[in-house]
Protein backbone atom coordinates (compact mmCIF):
# COMPACT_ATOMS: atom_id res chain seq x y z
CA MET A 1 92.96 129.84 101.69
CA GLN A 2 91.86 126.85 103.72
CA THR A 3 91.61 126.52 107.47
CA ALA A 4 90.21 123.62 109.46
CA ASN A 5 88.69 126.09 111.93
CA ALA A 6 86.25 127.23 109.20
CA MET A 7 84.63 123.79 108.99
CA ASN A 8 80.95 123.69 110.08
CA ARG A 9 80.75 127.43 110.71
CA THR A 10 78.36 129.98 109.25
CA VAL A 11 79.59 133.57 109.11
CA SER A 12 78.54 136.88 107.61
CA LEU A 13 81.30 138.81 105.89
CA PHE A 14 81.57 142.57 105.67
CA SER A 15 84.29 145.09 105.03
CA THR A 16 85.47 147.95 107.23
CA LYS A 17 88.49 150.22 107.23
CA GLY A 18 91.39 148.94 109.26
CA LYS A 19 94.00 146.23 109.28
CA ARG A 20 93.48 143.20 107.11
CA THR A 21 92.81 139.91 108.86
CA GLN A 22 95.99 137.87 108.86
CA ASP A 23 95.09 135.02 111.23
CA PHE A 24 92.05 133.32 109.74
CA ASP A 25 92.45 130.33 112.06
CA ALA A 26 91.90 132.58 115.08
CA LEU A 27 89.10 134.46 113.32
CA PHE A 28 87.05 131.35 112.63
CA LEU A 29 87.90 129.75 115.97
CA SER A 30 86.20 132.69 117.69
CA THR A 31 82.86 131.86 115.99
CA LEU A 32 80.24 129.35 117.08
CA SER A 33 80.34 125.94 115.44
CA ASP A 34 77.21 124.80 113.61
CA LYS A 35 75.55 121.90 115.36
CA LYS A 36 74.56 119.10 113.01
CA GLN A 37 70.81 118.49 113.08
CA ASN A 38 68.29 116.81 110.82
CA ASN A 39 66.80 120.11 109.70
CA PHE A 40 69.65 122.58 110.08
CA ASP A 41 68.81 126.18 109.18
CA GLY A 42 71.64 128.14 110.82
CA ILE A 43 73.61 128.53 113.99
CA ASN A 44 71.33 128.64 117.05
CA ASP A 45 68.30 128.54 114.76
CA PRO A 46 65.63 126.33 116.29
CA ASN A 47 64.45 123.30 114.38
CA ASN A 48 60.89 124.61 114.10
CA LEU A 49 59.90 124.24 110.44
CA PRO A 50 59.64 120.78 108.89
CA ILE A 51 61.27 120.60 105.47
CA GLU A 52 57.95 119.86 103.76
CA GLN A 53 56.59 123.21 105.01
CA GLU A 54 59.45 125.28 103.61
CA PRO A 55 58.45 127.74 100.85
CA ASP A 56 58.73 126.46 97.27
CA ARG A 57 61.66 128.80 96.56
CA VAL A 58 63.62 127.24 99.43
CA LEU A 59 62.83 123.69 98.28
CA PHE A 60 63.90 124.64 94.74
CA ASP A 61 67.22 126.01 96.02
CA LEU A 62 67.81 122.92 98.14
CA ASP A 63 67.20 120.66 95.14
CA ALA A 64 69.63 122.73 93.06
CA VAL A 65 72.36 122.47 95.69
CA ARG A 66 71.92 118.70 96.02
CA GLN A 67 72.59 118.14 92.30
C-alpha cells in the first residue's frame, strides 16, 4: 500500500488487539513530518553529532544503504 502522507515520516510499528487500521492516510497524517537536515538522525533529534564522529557500525550501515 502506498500513501503520500507516509513520505518523510519515521514511525514505530507495534501490534495490539483491536480493529485493524483502515485509513492509513489519516494514520500517517497524524504523525510529525521529518525535517530535512544535513545530518538527520530522526524526528526532533538534535543535530549534535557530526557524521565523522558516528560509531564505525553506524558508518558501515550508512555506506551499505548508499550502495
